[in-house]
Amino acid sequence: MELINIAQAGVISEAPKLSGVALNALDFLLSVFGIIAIISLIVAGIIYLTASGNEKRIEMAKKMSLYSIIG
């Protein structure tokens, strides 16, 4: 009896499906990239506010905000 219980301990039907694992990985990656996009938007806003009329910094901040929204 002990041998049968040990053999049935790792039944393959109880393993997570590949689609479930892929969905969890995708959710994690989207969360990470979303946080990175929000941080880059904040940094672009700070650069824009501290540009003090410097056209290069203003353009850089605009590009950063555009790229972070697209990404």
PDB file of N, CA and C in Angstrom:
ATOM      1  N   MET A   1       0.815  -1.204   0.000  1.00  0.00           N
ATOM      2  CA  MET A   1       0.000   0.000   0.000  1.00  0.00           C
ATOM      3  C   MET A   1       0.858   1.268   0.000  1.00  0.00           C
ATOM      4  N   GLU A   2       1.949   1.245   0.715  1.00  0.00           N
ATOM      5  CA  GLU A   2       2.808   2.422   0.794  1.00  0.00           C
ATOM      6  C   GLU A   2       3.395   2.768  -0.573  1.00  0.00           C
ATOM      7  N   LEU A   3       3.737   1.774  -1.348  1.00  0.00           N
ATOM      8  CA  LEU A   3       4.308   1.991  -2.671  1.00  0.00           C
ATOM      9  C   LEU A   3       3.305   2.654  -3.608  1.00  0.00           C
ATOM     10  N   ILE A   4       2.051   2.314  -3.530  1.00  0.00           N
ATOM     11  CA  ILE A   4       1.021   2.908  -4.393  1.00  0.00           C
ATOM     12  C   ILE A   4       0.818   4.378  -4.043  1.00  0.00           C
ATOM     13  N   ASN A   5       0.803   4.734  -2.776  1.00  0.00           N
ATOM     14  CA  ASN A   5       0.633   6.133  -2.383  1.00  0.00           C
ATOM     15  C   ASN A   5       1.804   6.989  -2.849  1.00  0.00           C
ATOM     16  N   ILE A   6       2.996   6.467  -2.779  1.00  0.00           N
ATOM     17  CA  ILE A   6       4.170   7.205  -3.234  1.00  0.00           C
ATOM     18  C   ILE A   6       4.128   7.387  -4.747  1.00  0.00           C
ATOM     19  N   ALA A   7       3.718   6.388  -5.464  1.00  0.00           N
ATOM     20  CA  ALA A   7       3.678   6.455  -6.923  1.00  0.00           C
ATOM     21  C   ALA A   7       2.642   7.454  -7.407  1.00  0.00           C
ATOM     22  N   GLN A   8       1.565   7.643  -6.664  1.00  0.00           N
ATOM     23  CA  GLN A   8       0.509   8.562  -7.091  1.00  0.00           C
ATOM     24  C   GLN A   8       0.724   9.978  -6.569  1.00  0.00           C
ATOM     25  N   ALA A   9       1.800  10.225  -5.864  1.00  0.00           N
ATOM     26  CA  ALA A   9       2.027  11.543  -5.272  1.00  0.00           C
ATOM     27  C   ALA A   9       2.259  12.616  -6.338  1.00  0.00           C
ATOM     28  N   GLY A  10       2.892  12.282  -7.438  1.00  0.00           N
ATOM     29  CA  GLY A  10       3.196  13.277  -8.464  1.00  0.00           C
ATOM     30  C   GLY A  10       2.419  13.031  -9.727  1.00  0.00           C
ATOM     31  N   VAL A  11       1.117  13.003  -9.650  1.00  0.00           N
ATOM     32  CA  VAL A  11       0.283  12.745 -10.816  1.00  0.00           C
ATOM     33  C   VAL A  11       0.411  13.908 -11.786  1.00  0.00           C
ATOM     34  N   ILE A  12       0.625  13.598 -13.041  1.00  0.00           N
ATOM     35  CA  ILE A  12       0.881  14.627 -14.053  1.00  0.00           C
ATOM     36  C   ILE A  12      -0.352  15.485 -14.318  1.00  0.00           C
ATOM     37  N   SER A  13      -1.532  14.985 -14.053  1.00  0.00           N
ATOM     38  CA  SER A  13      -2.738  15.766 -14.311  1.00  0.00           C
ATOM     39  C   SER A  13      -2.885  16.920 -13.320  1.00  0.00           C
ATOM     40  N   GLU A  14      -2.164  16.872 -12.213  1.00  0.00           N
ATOM     41  CA  GLU A  14      -2.225  17.952 -11.231  1.00  0.00           C
ATOM     42  C   GLU A  14      -1.213  19.062 -11.526  1.00  0.00           C
ATOM     43  N   ALA A  15      -0.362  18.870 -12.496  1.00  0.00           N
ATOM     44  CA  ALA A  15       0.650  19.875 -12.844  1.00  0.00           C
ATOM     45  C   ALA A  15      -0.029  21.071 -13.507  1.00  0.00           C
ATOM     46  N   PRO A  16       0.523  22.275 -13.325  1.00  0.00           N
ATOM     47  CA  PRO A  16      -0.077  23.453 -13.971  1.00  0.00           C
ATOM     48  C   PRO A  16       0.069  23.364 -15.490  1.00  0.00           C
ATOM     49  N   LYS A  17      -0.945  23.860 -16.181  1.00  0.00           N
ATOM     50  CA  LYS A  17      -0.925  23.809 -17.640  1.00  0.00           C
ATOM     51  C   LYS A  17       0.034  24.865 -18.180  1.00  0.00           C
ATOM     52  N   LEU A  18       0.535  24.607 -19.361  1.00  0.00           N
ATOM     53  CA  LEU A  18       1.481  25.522 -19.991  1.00  0.00           C
ATOM     54  C   LEU A  18       0.853  26.887 -20.225  1.00  0.00           C
ATOM     55  N   SER A  19      -0.420  26.922 -20.586  1.00  0.00           N
ATOM     56  CA  SER A  19      -1.084  28.209 -20.811  1.00  0.00           C
ATOM     57  C   SER A  19      -1.189  29.005 -19.521  1.00  0.00           C
ATOM     58  N   GLY A  20      -1.405  28.330 -18.405  1.00  0.00           N
ATOM     59  CA  GLY A  20      -1.463  29.023 -17.120  1.00  0.00           C
ATOM     60  C   GLY A  20      -0.120  29.602 -16.726  1.00  0.00           C
ATOM     61  N   VAL A  21       0.935  28.850 -16.966  1.00  0.00           N
ATOM     62  CA  VAL A  21       2.283  29.329 -16.660  1.00  0.00           C
ATOM     63  C   VAL A  21       2.631  30.519 -17.557  1.00  0.00           C
ATOM     64  N   ALA A  22       2.301  30.428 -18.834  1.00  0.00           N
ATOM     65  CA  ALA A  22       2.584  31.516 -19.770  1.00  0.00           C
ATOM     66  C   ALA A  22       1.789  32.770 -19.397  1.00  0.00           C
ATOM     67  N   LEU A  23       0.549  32.586 -18.974  1.00  0.00           N
ATOM     68  CA  LEU A  23      -0.282  33.731 -18.586  1.00  0.00           C
ATOM     69  C   LEU A  23       0.275  34.408 -17.334  1.00  0.00           C
ATOM     70  N   ASN A  24       0.735  33.635 -16.382  1.00  0.00           N
ATOM     71  CA  ASN A  24       1.346  34.209 -15.185  1.00  0.00           C
ATOM     72  C   ASN A  24       2.628  34.964 -15.523  1.00  0.00           C
ATOM     73  N   ALA A  25       3.442  34.412 -16.409  1.00  0.00           N
ATOM     74  CA  ALA A  25       4.677  35.087 -16.819  1.00  0.00           C
ATOM     75  C   ALA A  25       4.364  36.389 -17.551  1.00  0.00           C
ATOM     76  N   LEU A  26       3.348  36.362 -18.406  1.00  0.00           N
ATOM     77  CA  LEU A  26       2.956  37.571 -19.137  1.00  0.00           C
ATOM     78  C   LEU A  26       2.435  38.638 -18.191  1.00  0.00           C
ATOM     79  N   ASP A  27       1.632  38.251 -17.220  1.00  0.00           N
ATOM     80  CA  ASP A  27       1.145  39.209 -16.231  1.00  0.00           C
ATOM     81  C   ASP A  27       2.297  39.847 -15.466  1.00  0.00           C
ATOM     82  N   PHE A  28       3.273  39.044 -15.090  1.00  0.00           N
ATOM     83  CA  PHE A  28       4.433  39.566 -14.369  1.00  0.00           C
ATOM     84  C   PHE A  28       5.211  40.552 -15.226  1.00  0.00           C
ATOM     85  N   LEU A  29       5.477  40.183 -16.478  1.00  0.00           N
ATOM     86  CA  LEU A  29       6.246  41.063 -17.360  1.00  0.00           C
ATOM     87  C   LEU A  29       5.518  42.369 -17.642  1.00  0.00           C
ATOM     88  N   LEU A  30       4.209  42.296 -17.840  1.00  0.00           N
ATOM     89  CA  LEU A  30       3.445  43.517 -18.078  1.00  0.00           C
ATOM     90  C   LEU A  30       3.459  44.424 -16.850  1.00  0.00           C
ATOM     91  N   SER A  31       3.433  43.844 -15.682  1.00  0.00           N
ATOM     92  CA  SER A  31       3.513  44.642 -14.456  1.00  0.00           C
ATOM     93  C   SER A  31       4.864  45.338 -14.356  1.00  0.00           C
ATOM     94  N   VAL A  32       5.929  44.613 -14.629  1.00  0.00           N
ATOM     95  CA  VAL A  32       7.271  45.196 -14.545  1.00  0.00           C
ATOM     96  C   VAL A  32       7.431  46.314 -15.563  1.00  0.00           C
ATOM     97  N   PHE A  33       7.029  46.084 -16.803  1.00  0.00           N
ATOM     98  CA  PHE A  33       7.177  47.116 -17.825  1.00  0.00           C
ATOM     99  C   PHE A  33       6.255  48.301 -17.572  1.00  0.00           C
ATOM    100  N   GLY A  34       5.100  48.070 -16.978  1.00  0.00           N
ATOM    101  CA  GLY A  34       4.214  49.172 -16.611  1.00  0.00           C
ATOM    102  C   GLY A  34       4.835  50.063 -15.561  1.00  0.00           C
ATOM    103  N   ILE A  35       5.471  49.455 -14.573  1.00  0.00           N
ATOM    104  CA  ILE A  35       6.146  50.235 -13.531  1.00  0.00           C
ATOM    105  C   ILE A  35       7.301  51.030 -14.125  1.00  0.00           C
ATOM    106  N   ILE A  36       8.054  50.409 -15.024  1.00  0.00           N
ATOM    107  CA  ILE A  36       9.166  51.114 -15.674  1.00  0.00           C
ATOM    108  C   ILE A  36       8.646  52.290 -16.503  1.00  0.00           C
ATOM    109  N   ALA A  37       7.518  52.113 -17.195  1.00  0.00           N
ATOM    110  CA  ALA A  37       6.946  53.193 -18.002  1.00  0.00           C
ATOM    111  C   ALA A  37       6.497  54.358 -17.120  1.00  0.00           C
ATOM    112  N   ILE A  38       5.900  54.055 -15.987  1.00  0.00           N
ATOM    113  CA  ILE A  38       5.462  55.119 -15.082  1.00  0.00           C
ATOM    114  C   ILE A  38       6.659  55.877 -14.526  1.00  0.00           C
ATOM    115  N   ILE A  39       7.701  55.153 -14.154  1.00  0.00           N
ATOM    116  CA  ILE A  39       8.902  55.811 -13.636  1.00  0.00           C
ATOM    117  C   ILE A  39       9.538  56.699 -14.701  1.00  0.00           C
ATOM    118  N   SER A  40       9.590  56.221 -15.943  1.00  0.00           N
ATOM    119  CA  SER A  40      10.191  57.038 -17.001  1.00  0.00           C
ATOM    120  C   SER A  40       9.337  58.264 -17.312  1.00  0.00           C
ATOM    121  N   LEU A  41       8.022  58.161 -17.176  1.00  0.00           N
ATOM    122  CA  LEU A  41       7.175  59.340 -17.348  1.00  0.00           C
ATOM    123  C   LEU A  41       7.445  60.371 -16.253  1.00  0.00           C
ATOM    124  N   ILE A  42       7.627  59.899 -15.044  1.00  0.00           N
ATOM    125  CA  ILE A  42       7.929  60.813 -13.939  1.00  0.00           C
ATOM    126  C   ILE A  42       9.278  61.495 -14.167  1.00  0.00           C
ATOM    127  N   VAL A  43      10.268  60.733 -14.600  1.00  0.00           N
ATOM    128  CA  VAL A  43      11.593  61.302 -14.870  1.00  0.00           C
ATOM    129  C   VAL A  43      11.519  62.315 -16.009  1.00  0.00           C
ATOM    130  N   ALA A  44      10.745  62.006 -17.049  1.00  0.00           N
ATOM    131  CA  ALA A  44      10.591  62.949 -18.161  1.00  0.00           C
ATOM    132  C   ALA A  44       9.921  64.228 -17.686  1.00  0.00           C
ATOM    133  N   GLY A  45       8.950  64.118 -16.805  1.00  0.00           N
ATOM    134  CA  GLY A  45       8.298  65.310 -16.266  1.00  0.00           C
ATOM    135  C   GLY A  45       9.252  66.161 -15.443  1.00  0.00           C
ATOM    136  N   ILE A  46      10.102  65.510 -14.657  1.00  0.00           N
ATOM    137  CA  ILE A  46      11.085  66.253 -13.860  1.00  0.00           C
ATOM    138  C   ILE A  46      12.088  66.954 -14.765  1.00  0.00           C
ATOM    139  N   ILE A  47      12.526  66.260 -15.805  1.00  0.00           N
ATOM    140  CA  ILE A  47      13.467  66.882 -16.751  1.00  0.00           C
ATOM    141  C   ILE A  47      12.810  68.071 -17.446  1.00  0.00           C
ATOM    142  N   TYR A  48      11.545  67.915 -17.806  1.00  0.00           N
ATOM    143  CA  TYR A  48      10.835  68.999 -18.477  1.00  0.00           C
ATOM    144  C   TYR A  48      10.678  70.210 -17.559  1.00  0.00           C
ATOM    145  N   LEU A  49      10.360  69.941 -16.290  1.00  0.00           N
ATOM    146  CA  LEU A  49      10.178  71.045 -15.348  1.00  0.00           C
ATOM    147  C   LEU A  49      11.481  71.757 -15.017  1.00  0.00           C
ATOM    148  N   THR A  50      12.583  71.030 -15.037  1.00  0.00           N
ATOM    149  CA  THR A  50      13.866  71.639 -14.687  1.00  0.00           C
ATOM    150  C   THR A  50      14.671  72.064 -15.914  1.00  0.00           C
ATOM    151  N   ALA A  51      14.064  72.086 -17.078  1.00  0.00           N
ATOM    152  CA  ALA A  51      14.787  72.424 -18.307  1.00  0.00           C
ATOM    153  C   ALA A  51      15.206  73.891 -18.335  1.00  0.00           C
ATOM    154  N   SER A  52      14.451  74.772 -17.740  1.00  0.00           N
ATOM    155  CA  SER A  52      14.771  76.210 -17.666  1.00  0.00           C
ATOM    156  C   SER A  52      14.994  76.829 -19.043  1.00  0.00           C
ATOM    157  N   GLY A  53      14.191  76.433 -19.997  1.00  0.00           N
ATOM    158  CA  GLY A  53      14.287  77.019 -21.329  1.00  0.00           C
ATOM    159  C   GLY A  53      15.324  76.378 -22.226  1.00  0.00           C
ATOM    160  N   ASN A  54      16.039  75.383 -21.756  1.00  0.00           N
ATOM    161  CA  ASN A  54      17.035  74.683 -22.569  1.00  0.00           C
ATOM    162  C   ASN A  54      16.289  73.791 -23.570  1.00  0.00           C
ATOM    163  N   GLU A  55      16.395  74.132 -24.838  1.00  0.00           N
ATOM    164  CA  GLU A  55      15.619  73.436 -25.872  1.00  0.00           C
ATOM    165  C   GLU A  55      15.987  71.953 -25.998  1.00  0.00           C
ATOM    166  N   LYS A  56      17.275  71.644 -25.811  1.00  0.00           N
ATOM    167  CA  LYS A  56      17.690  70.239 -25.923  1.00  0.00           C
ATOM    168  C   LYS A  56      17.050  69.394 -24.833  1.00  0.00           C
ATOM    169  N   ARG A  57      17.004  69.927 -23.607  1.00  0.00           N
ATOM    170  CA  ARG A  57      16.398  69.167 -22.505  1.00  0.00           C
ATOM    171  C   ARG A  57      14.881  69.052 -22.676  1.00  0.00           C
ATOM    172  N   ILE A  58      14.254  70.089 -23.212  1.00  0.00           N
ATOM    173  CA  ILE A  58      12.811  70.044 -23.457  1.00  0.00           C
ATOM    174  C   ILE A  58      12.492  68.980 -24.503  1.00  0.00           C
ATOM    175  N   GLU A  59      13.259  68.959 -25.584  1.00  0.00           N
ATOM    176  CA  GLU A  59      13.049  67.947 -26.625  1.00  0.00           C
ATOM    177  C   GLU A  59      13.313  66.534 -26.093  1.00  0.00           C
ATOM    178  N   MET A  60      14.354  66.400 -25.259  1.00  0.00           N
ATOM    179  CA  MET A  60      14.661  65.100 -24.685  1.00  0.00           C
ATOM    180  C   MET A  60      13.517  64.628 -23.791  1.00  0.00           C
ATOM    181  N   ALA A  61      12.957  65.537 -23.001  1.00  0.00           N
ATOM    182  CA  ALA A  61      11.851  65.174 -22.116  1.00  0.00           C
ATOM    183  C   ALA A  61      10.609  64.794 -22.917  1.00  0.00           C
ATOM    184  N   LYS A  62      10.353  65.517 -24.005  1.00  0.00           N
ATOM    185  CA  LYS A  62       9.206  65.186 -24.853  1.00  0.00           C
ATOM    186  C   LYS A  62       9.372  63.815 -25.497  1.00  0.00           C
ATOM    187  N   LYS A  63      10.582  63.525 -25.980  1.00  0.00           N
ATOM    188  CA  LYS A  63      10.841  62.218 -26.578  1.00  0.00           C
ATOM    189  C   LYS A  63      10.718  61.107 -25.544  1.00  0.00           C
ATOM    190  N   MET A  64      11.250  61.360 -24.337  1.00  0.00           N
ATOM    191  CA  MET A  64      11.143  60.358 -23.275  1.00  0.00           C
ATOM    192  C   MET A  64       9.690  60.036 -22.934  1.00  0.00           C
ATOM    193  N   SER A  65       8.895  61.072 -22.824  1.00  0.00           N
ATOM    194  CA  SER A  65       7.485  60.847 -22.487  1.00  0.00           C
ATOM    195  C   SER A  65       6.761  60.132 -23.627  1.00  0.00           C
ATOM    196  N   LEU A  66       7.067  60.489 -24.856  1.00  0.00           N
ATOM    197  CA  LEU A  66       6.459  59.810 -25.998  1.00  0.00           C
ATOM    198  C   LEU A  66       6.844  58.339 -26.043  1.00  0.00           C
ATOM    199  N   TYR A  67       8.112  58.062 -25.873  1.00  0.00           N
ATOM    200  CA  TYR A  67       8.585  56.670 -25.919  1.00  0.00           C
ATOM    201  C   TYR A  67       8.058  55.834 -24.757  1.00  0.00           C
ATOM    202  N   SER A  68       7.930  56.444 -23.600  1.00  0.00           N
ATOM    203  CA  SER A  68       7.405  55.683 -22.470  1.00  0.00           C
ATOM    204  C   SER A  68       5.921  55.402 -22.633  1.00  0.00           C
ATOM    205  N   ILE A  69       5.185  56.308 -23.275  1.00  0.00           N
ATOM    206  CA  ILE A  69       3.764  56.041 -23.541  1.00  0.00           C
ATOM    207  C   ILE A  69       3.612  54.963 -24.604  1.00  0.00           C
ATOM    208  N   ILE A  70       4.432  55.030 -25.643  1.00  0.00           N
ATOM    209  CA  ILE A  70       4.369  54.020 -26.709  1.00  0.00           C
ATOM    210  C   ILE A  70       4.766  52.656 -26.167  1.00  0.00           C
ATOM    211  N   GLY A  71       5.822  52.641 -25.345  1.00  0.00           N
ATOM    212  CA  GLY A  71       6.306  51.376 -24.795  1.00  0.00           C
ATOM    213  C   GLY A  71       5.339  50.790 -23.823  1.00  0.00           C
TER     214      GLY A  71
END
